[in-house]
Amino acid sequence: MKKHSGLWFYLFWLLILAIFAGGLYTAYLAFAPTQTVANTTQVSDDTSFDINLNREQVNGLAATYLNDTGNGNFHFKVGEENVTASGAISILGQKINAVMTMTPEVTNDGNIVLKTKSISLGKIDLPTKVAMGYVKQMYDGPEYVQIQPDQEQITINMSKVSKNKRMKFKAKQIDLKDNQFKFIGVINNG
């Protein structure tokens, strides 16, 4: 028999041995138990997001809401200086235009307060408390809108605006002159 003492013979067997050892090492790594470290970071139950609107978008949302709820006879308009709610009221069989002019403010808890500046029926200015008392009696709206004649204001409870129990909103800024309306939406993930 002939002895194989060539360099290529040893390199061939060394390569086969290296491939076999690499395969064994890979199999060991694949089947070896892994150690996992438990991460105990607290995940927030709430996710918040910013909502930035302009005057046209707010007016569009109000019009859509009024039409969807069957209150399409009333109009809500955000202007550069104030907010107006208007509509026709039937008195003694006659339709008379009514206009309520208000100034919006954001409360510390994220609600919106509409301070009444004036209420007119046709061309007659009405006493605010009396007119708001009448509006409160005839207005059949959602529970998050509270008409408060004694304070001459309407409060919109933003946390109750959404029909989804896990989602709430807060007003952050209402700036009529700069056309900026900023809100925060909060989704409860829990």
Protein backbone atom coordinates (compact mmCIF):
# COMPACT_ATOMS: atom_id res chain seq x y z
CA MET A 1 0.00 0.00 0.00
CA LYS A 2 1.05 3.46 -0.76
CA LYS A 3 1.47 5.98 2.03
CA HIS A 4 -0.35 9.28 1.62
CA SER A 5 2.03 11.87 2.92
CA GLY A 6 1.26 14.72 0.61
CA LEU A 7 0.34 18.14 1.87
CA TRP A 8 -3.04 18.08 0.09
CA PHE A 9 -4.02 14.86 1.85
CA TYR A 10 -3.56 16.44 5.30
CA LEU A 11 -5.26 19.68 4.29
CA PHE A 12 -8.27 17.71 2.96
CA TRP A 13 -8.70 15.82 6.26
CA LEU A 14 -8.16 19.03 8.23
CA LEU A 15 -10.93 20.71 6.21
CA ILE A 16 -13.29 17.76 6.78
CA LEU A 17 -12.50 17.86 10.51
CA ALA A 18 -13.10 21.66 10.64
CA ILE A 19 -16.49 21.27 8.87
CA PHE A 20 -17.47 18.45 11.23
CA ALA A 21 -16.41 20.45 14.31
CA GLY A 22 -18.26 23.54 13.02
CA GLY A 23 -21.41 21.45 12.52
CA LEU A 24 -21.16 20.05 16.05
CA TYR A 25 -20.64 23.53 17.52
CA THR A 26 -23.63 24.91 15.56
CA ALA A 27 -25.81 22.01 16.74
CA TYR A 28 -24.69 22.63 20.33
CA LEU A 29 -25.62 26.34 20.08
CA ALA A 30 -28.97 25.53 18.48
CA PHE A 31 -30.02 23.00 21.12
CA ALA A 32 -28.43 24.54 24.21
CA PRO A 33 -30.89 26.03 26.73
CA THR A 34 -31.10 29.81 26.60
CA GLN A 35 -31.15 32.09 29.58
CA THR A 36 -33.71 34.87 29.45
CA VAL A 37 -33.65 37.87 31.70
CA ALA A 38 -37.10 39.01 32.75
CA ASN A 39 -37.58 42.69 32.08
CA THR A 40 -39.95 44.26 34.59
CA THR A 41 -40.47 47.68 33.06
CA GLN A 42 -43.87 49.23 33.75
CA VAL A 43 -45.87 49.80 30.58
CA SER A 44 -48.12 52.83 30.66
CA ASP A 45 -51.84 52.13 30.60
CA ASP A 46 -52.52 55.23 28.50
CA THR A 47 -51.46 56.30 25.03
CA SER A 48 -51.84 59.96 24.17
CA PHE A 49 -51.77 61.78 20.87
CA ASP A 50 -52.02 65.43 19.82
CA ILE A 51 -54.81 66.79 17.65
CA ASN A 52 -54.20 70.13 15.93
CA LEU A 53 -57.11 71.66 14.04
CA ASN A 54 -57.80 74.92 12.27
CA ARG A 55 -61.02 76.95 12.23
CA GLU A 56 -62.37 75.32 9.06
CA GLN A 57 -61.84 71.83 10.48
CA VAL A 58 -63.60 72.72 13.75
CA ASN A 59 -66.53 74.23 11.82
CA GLY A 60 -66.69 71.11 9.63
CA LEU A 61 -66.73 68.81 12.66
CA ALA A 62 -69.49 70.88 14.28
CA ALA A 63 -71.60 70.83 11.10
CA THR A 64 -71.16 67.08 10.72
CA TYR A 65 -72.10 66.49 14.34
CA LEU A 66 -75.19 68.71 14.14
CA ASN A 67 -76.36 66.98 10.94
CA ASP A 68 -75.69 63.48 12.32
CA THR A 69 -77.63 64.17 15.52
CA GLY A 70 -80.65 65.68 13.79
CA ASN A 71 -79.87 69.22 14.96
CA GLY A 72 -79.21 70.45 11.41
CA ASN A 73 -81.50 73.45 12.00
CA PHE A 74 -78.82 74.95 14.23
CA HIS A 75 -75.45 76.23 13.11
CA PHE A 76 -72.24 76.50 15.08
CA LYS A 77 -69.49 78.72 13.72
CA VAL A 78 -66.05 79.50 15.07
CA GLY A 79 -65.00 82.95 13.90
CA GLU A 80 -61.87 85.03 14.36
CA GLU A 81 -63.20 86.80 17.46
CA ASN A 82 -65.97 84.63 18.90
CA VAL A 83 -68.12 81.53 18.56
CA THR A 84 -71.73 81.77 17.42
CA ALA A 85 -74.59 79.34 17.66
CA SER A 86 -77.58 80.24 15.54
CA GLY A 87 -80.82 78.82 14.29
CA ALA A 88 -84.48 79.52 13.68
CA ILE A 89 -86.90 79.24 16.58
CA SER A 90 -90.63 78.90 16.07
CA ILE A 91 -92.59 81.39 18.19
CA LEU A 92 -96.35 81.70 17.68
CA GLY A 93 -96.01 79.93 14.34
CA GLN A 94 -93.33 82.30 13.08
CA LYS A 95 -89.69 81.40 12.47
CA ILE A 96 -87.38 83.90 14.16
CA ASN A 97 -83.59 83.82 13.96
CA ALA A 98 -81.78 83.39 17.26
CA VAL A 99 -78.05 84.00 17.72
CA MET A 100 -75.87 83.30 20.76
CA THR A 101 -72.37 84.83 20.72
CA MET A 102 -69.74 83.27 23.01
CA THR A 103 -66.07 83.38 23.90
CA PRO A 104 -64.30 80.02 24.41
CA GLU A 105 -61.91 79.28 27.27
CA VAL A 106 -60.02 76.13 28.23
CA THR A 107 -60.22 75.01 31.87
CA ASN A 108 -57.35 73.46 33.83
CA ASP A 109 -58.91 70.01 33.52
CA GLY A 110 -59.17 70.22 29.70
CA ASN A 111 -62.83 71.17 29.36
CA ILE A 112 -64.18 74.00 27.21
CA VAL A 113 -66.25 76.83 28.68
CA LEU A 114 -68.20 79.04 26.28
CA LYS A 115 -68.82 82.36 28.06
CA THR A 116 -71.95 83.99 26.70
CA LYS A 117 -71.47 87.54 25.42
CA SER A 118 -74.93 88.11 23.94
CA ILE A 119 -78.14 86.43 22.89
CA SER A 120 -80.45 87.95 20.34
CA LEU A 121 -83.83 86.98 18.99
CA GLY A 122 -84.26 88.66 15.64
CA LYS A 123 -82.87 92.15 16.32
CA ILE A 124 -83.77 92.12 20.01
CA ASP A 125 -81.00 91.54 22.56
CA LEU A 126 -82.25 89.30 25.34
CA PRO A 127 -81.15 89.15 28.99
CA THR A 128 -78.52 86.41 29.02
CA LYS A 129 -79.62 84.52 32.15
CA VAL A 130 -83.28 84.42 31.11
CA ALA A 131 -82.51 83.40 27.52
CA MET A 132 -80.05 80.71 28.62
CA GLY A 133 -82.67 79.34 31.04
CA TYR A 134 -85.06 79.04 28.11
CA VAL A 135 -82.36 77.41 25.95
CA LYS A 136 -81.58 74.94 28.74
CA GLN A 137 -85.26 73.91 28.95
CA MET A 138 -85.67 73.33 25.22
CA TYR A 139 -82.21 71.95 24.39
CA ASP A 140 -82.09 68.17 24.19
CA GLY A 141 -78.43 67.45 23.66
CA PRO A 142 -75.73 65.13 24.92
CA GLU A 143 -74.88 64.95 28.62
CA TYR A 144 -71.39 66.34 28.10
CA VAL A 145 -72.86 69.74 27.13
CA GLN A 146 -74.01 71.56 30.26
CA ILE A 147 -75.92 74.80 29.93
CA GLN A 148 -75.39 76.93 33.06
CA PRO A 149 -77.66 80.01 32.98
CA ASP A 150 -76.52 81.33 36.39
CA GLN A 151 -72.88 81.46 35.26
CA GLU A 152 -73.94 82.60 31.76
CA GLN A 153 -71.88 79.84 30.18
CA ILE A 154 -71.97 76.49 28.45
CA THR A 155 -69.47 73.84 29.58
CA ILE A 156 -68.35 71.05 27.27
CA ASN A 157 -66.97 68.14 29.30
CA MET A 158 -64.33 66.90 26.86
CA SER A 159 -63.66 63.64 28.74
CA LYS A 160 -67.22 62.51 27.91
CA VAL A 161 -67.29 63.56 24.24
CA SER A 162 -66.20 60.18 22.87
CA LYS A 163 -68.68 57.32 22.75
CA ASN A 164 -65.75 54.93 23.18
CA LYS A 165 -65.25 54.40 26.94
CA ARG A 166 -61.50 53.83 26.50
CA MET A 167 -60.93 57.12 24.64
CA LYS A 168 -61.01 60.58 26.17
CA PHE A 169 -60.17 64.04 24.94
CA LYS A 170 -58.87 67.20 26.58
CA ALA A 171 -58.69 70.69 25.19
CA LYS A 172 -55.19 72.11 25.39
CA GLN A 173 -55.44 75.46 23.61
CA ILE A 174 -58.09 77.47 21.78
CA ASP A 175 -56.73 80.56 20.06
CA LEU A 176 -59.30 82.15 17.75
CA LYS A 177 -57.03 84.90 16.44
CA ASP A 178 -54.12 82.58 15.55
CA ASN A 179 -56.49 79.89 14.22
CA GLN A 180 -55.09 77.18 16.52
CA PHE A 181 -57.19 74.55 18.24
CA LYS A 182 -55.12 71.97 20.11
CA PHE A 183 -56.49 68.89 21.81
CA ILE A 184 -55.06 65.76 23.42
CA GLY A 185 -56.57 62.34 22.83
CA VAL A 186 -55.97 59.64 25.43
CA ILE A 187 -56.58 55.94 24.85
CA ASN A 188 -56.68 53.67 27.91
CA ASN A 189 -54.76 50.51 26.96
CA GLY A 190 -55.58 48.69 30.20
